[in-house]
Amino acid sequence: MLALLWWPLAAVAAGTGVVAWRRAHTAALSLAEIAEAVVDLRATELATALGIVTPHNRVTPGIGHEITERLRKGA
């Protein structure tokens, strides 16, 4: 209510909200990139742990889709 009566407070609150959103968005993107890198580095081991055969110790796009289907929620 005070922000409606005193515009500088409203401006500071809005600016703080924008900064918080941007930082949360950046953190979420970083976490997603780290998770993807871990899977890329250990994809063969992950496939083996899930019981998926990896010919020549390589993960092909088809094997990648199979891993995704097994790990997807509700599957």
Protein backbone atom coordinates (compact mmCIF):
# COMPACT_ATOMS: atom_id res chain seq x y z
CA MET A 1 0.00 0.00 0.00
CA LEU A 2 2.85 2.34 0.82
CA ALA A 3 4.28 1.76 -2.67
CA LEU A 4 1.09 3.17 -4.16
CA LEU A 5 1.50 6.37 -2.18
CA TRP A 6 5.24 6.77 -2.59
CA TRP A 7 6.42 6.06 -6.14
CA PRO A 8 10.18 5.68 -5.38
CA LEU A 9 9.39 2.65 -3.24
CA ALA A 10 7.37 1.14 -6.09
CA ALA A 11 10.27 1.72 -8.49
CA VAL A 12 12.78 0.05 -6.14
CA ALA A 13 10.45 -2.92 -5.58
CA ALA A 14 9.94 -3.39 -9.31
CA GLY A 15 13.68 -3.16 -9.99
CA THR A 16 14.43 -5.69 -7.25
CA GLY A 17 11.89 -8.10 -8.73
CA VAL A 18 13.44 -7.84 -12.19
CA VAL A 19 16.95 -8.45 -10.84
CA ALA A 20 15.76 -11.46 -8.82
CA TRP A 21 13.99 -12.95 -11.84
CA ARG A 22 17.06 -12.51 -14.05
CA ARG A 23 19.36 -14.12 -11.48
CA ALA A 24 17.00 -17.07 -10.98
CA HIS A 25 16.71 -17.51 -14.75
CA THR A 26 20.50 -17.46 -15.18
CA ALA A 27 20.96 -19.95 -12.33
CA ALA A 28 18.37 -22.32 -13.83
CA LEU A 29 20.08 -22.18 -17.24
CA SER A 30 23.46 -22.90 -15.64
CA LEU A 31 22.06 -25.88 -13.75
CA ALA A 32 20.52 -27.26 -16.95
CA GLU A 33 23.84 -26.93 -18.80
CA ILE A 34 25.72 -28.69 -15.99
CA ALA A 35 23.19 -31.53 -15.89
CA GLU A 36 23.43 -31.94 -19.67
CA ALA A 37 27.25 -31.99 -19.52
CA VAL A 38 27.23 -34.68 -16.83
CA VAL A 39 24.93 -36.86 -18.92
CA ASP A 40 27.05 -36.27 -22.02
CA LEU A 41 30.21 -37.30 -20.16
CA ARG A 42 28.69 -40.39 -18.58
CA ALA A 43 26.08 -41.40 -21.16
CA THR A 44 27.62 -44.81 -21.85
CA GLU A 45 27.75 -45.65 -18.14
CA LEU A 46 24.18 -44.42 -17.72
CA ALA A 47 22.98 -46.61 -20.58
CA THR A 48 24.77 -49.63 -19.14
CA ALA A 49 23.24 -48.98 -15.70
CA LEU A 50 19.80 -48.88 -17.33
CA GLY A 51 20.47 -52.17 -19.12
CA ILE A 52 20.73 -50.65 -22.58
CA VAL A 53 23.32 -52.20 -24.89
CA THR A 54 25.75 -49.68 -26.39
CA PRO A 55 27.56 -51.05 -29.44
CA HIS A 56 31.21 -49.98 -29.56
CA ASN A 57 30.70 -48.05 -26.28
CA ARG A 58 29.00 -45.20 -28.13
CA VAL A 59 25.65 -43.62 -27.49
CA THR A 60 23.76 -43.00 -30.70
CA PRO A 61 20.75 -40.69 -31.02
CA GLY A 62 18.49 -43.76 -30.89
CA ILE A 63 20.07 -44.90 -27.63
CA GLY A 64 19.78 -41.37 -26.32
CA HIS A 65 16.04 -41.42 -27.03
CA GLU A 66 15.73 -44.76 -25.27
CA ILE A 67 17.54 -43.36 -22.20
CA THR A 68 15.22 -40.35 -22.22
CA GLU A 69 12.14 -42.56 -22.41
CA ARG A 70 13.29 -44.67 -19.48
CA LEU A 71 14.11 -41.68 -17.30
CA ARG A 72 11.04 -39.63 -18.17
CA LYS A 73 8.62 -39.17 -15.29
CA GLY A 74 5.53 -41.33 -15.51
CA ALA A 75 7.24 -43.90 -17.71
